[in-house]
Amino acid sequence: MANRNLDMPDDLARSLEGIAAAQYKSVQEVAIEGLRSLIELSDQMLAGSPAALLKAVSATPHLSASDVEELEAAILAGRILTAARNPFSD
C-alpha cells in the first residue's frame, strides 16, 4: 500500500478522529473505508449504469412553464369531438 499524506482542515481531522474512536478503528481505516465507498458510489453512478438509469427514471421531471403550455396545447389539439347523440335511441 502506498503511503500518502493528506492536508485537511482541523475541524475535519477532529471529526474523523471522533468517528474513528466511536468505531474503535484507526483514523486511517475510517478514511480508507469512506474514500472507498465514495469511489464505489461514483462508479455506480456513471452515465448509462443501471444505478444512473434508475436515478434518472425515478427523478421528478423539471418542467418549465413553456413545457407545460406545450403539453396542454398538444392535449387540446388531440381531442376528438364526440356527438352528444345516444346511439341506442334509433
Protein backbone atom coordinates (compact mmCIF):
# COMPACT_ATOMS: atom_id res chain seq x y z
CA MET A 1 0.00 0.00 0.00
CA ALA A 2 1.38 3.38 -0.97
CA ASN A 3 1.65 5.99 1.77
CA ARG A 4 0.11 9.38 1.14
CA ASN A 5 -0.15 12.40 3.39
CA LEU A 6 -3.27 14.47 3.21
CA ASP A 7 -3.59 18.02 4.48
CA MET A 8 -7.08 18.72 5.77
CA PRO A 9 -8.76 21.37 7.87
CA ASP A 10 -8.51 20.87 11.64
CA ASP A 11 -12.28 20.53 12.09
CA LEU A 12 -12.41 17.73 9.51
CA ALA A 13 -9.49 15.95 11.19
CA ARG A 14 -11.21 16.19 14.59
CA SER A 15 -14.45 14.83 13.13
CA LEU A 16 -12.58 11.94 11.54
CA GLU A 17 -10.83 11.20 14.84
CA GLY A 18 -14.20 11.21 16.64
CA ILE A 19 -15.72 8.79 14.14
CA ALA A 20 -12.68 6.51 14.39
CA ALA A 21 -12.84 6.48 18.19
CA ALA A 22 -16.57 5.69 18.17
CA GLN A 23 -15.99 2.78 15.79
CA TYR A 24 -12.85 1.54 17.62
CA LYS A 25 -10.86 1.95 14.41
CA SER A 26 -7.85 3.94 13.38
CA VAL A 27 -8.26 7.25 11.59
CA GLN A 28 -6.60 5.66 8.57
CA GLU A 29 -9.12 2.77 8.50
CA VAL A 30 -12.09 5.13 8.68
CA ALA A 31 -10.64 7.40 6.00
CA ILE A 32 -9.90 4.50 3.64
CA GLU A 33 -13.38 2.99 4.14
CA GLY A 34 -15.02 6.34 3.48
CA LEU A 35 -12.97 7.04 0.37
CA ARG A 36 -13.52 3.52 -0.94
CA SER A 37 -17.32 3.76 -0.52
CA LEU A 38 -17.31 7.18 -2.18
CA ILE A 39 -15.42 5.82 -5.18
CA GLU A 40 -17.71 2.77 -5.42
CA LEU A 41 -20.76 5.03 -5.30
CA SER A 42 -19.39 7.30 -8.04
CA ASP A 43 -18.58 4.24 -10.19
CA GLN A 44 -22.18 3.07 -9.84
CA MET A 45 -23.45 6.44 -10.98
CA LEU A 46 -21.51 6.54 -14.25
CA ALA A 47 -23.66 7.58 -17.19
CA GLY A 48 -25.51 4.58 -18.57
CA SER A 49 -25.00 2.42 -15.49
CA PRO A 50 -28.05 0.68 -14.01
CA ALA A 51 -27.87 2.89 -10.92
CA ALA A 52 -27.73 6.05 -13.04
CA LEU A 53 -30.68 4.89 -15.15
CA LEU A 54 -32.77 4.11 -12.05
CA LYS A 55 -31.95 7.51 -10.62
CA ALA A 56 -32.93 9.26 -13.86
CA VAL A 57 -36.20 7.34 -14.19
CA SER A 58 -37.10 7.94 -10.54
CA ALA A 59 -36.34 11.66 -10.62
CA THR A 60 -39.13 14.18 -10.88
CA PRO A 61 -39.07 15.91 -14.27
CA HIS A 62 -38.04 19.54 -14.22
CA LEU A 63 -40.56 21.27 -16.46
CA SER A 64 -40.67 24.89 -17.41
CA ALA A 65 -43.87 26.87 -17.85
CA SER A 66 -43.46 26.68 -21.62
CA ASP A 67 -43.17 22.87 -21.41
CA VAL A 68 -46.49 22.71 -19.55
CA GLU A 69 -48.15 25.07 -22.05
CA GLU A 70 -46.90 22.99 -24.96
CA LEU A 71 -48.22 19.79 -23.37
CA GLU A 72 -51.63 21.34 -22.70
CA ALA A 73 -51.80 22.61 -26.31
CA ALA A 74 -50.95 19.11 -27.60
CA ILE A 75 -53.66 17.59 -25.42
CA LEU A 76 -56.24 20.09 -26.69
CA ALA A 77 -55.17 19.53 -30.31
CA GLY A 78 -55.50 15.77 -29.93
CA ARG A 79 -59.04 15.76 -28.56
CA ILE A 80 -61.74 14.25 -30.72
CA LEU A 81 -65.14 15.88 -30.74
CA THR A 82 -67.90 13.45 -29.99
CA ALA A 83 -71.59 13.74 -30.76
CA ALA A 84 -73.99 14.05 -27.87
CA ARG A 85 -76.40 11.69 -29.65
CA ASN A 86 -77.47 8.45 -27.97
CA PRO A 87 -76.62 5.62 -30.40
CA PHE A 88 -79.32 3.38 -28.87
CA SER A 89 -82.18 5.78 -29.38
CA ASP A 90 -82.73 4.77 -33.02
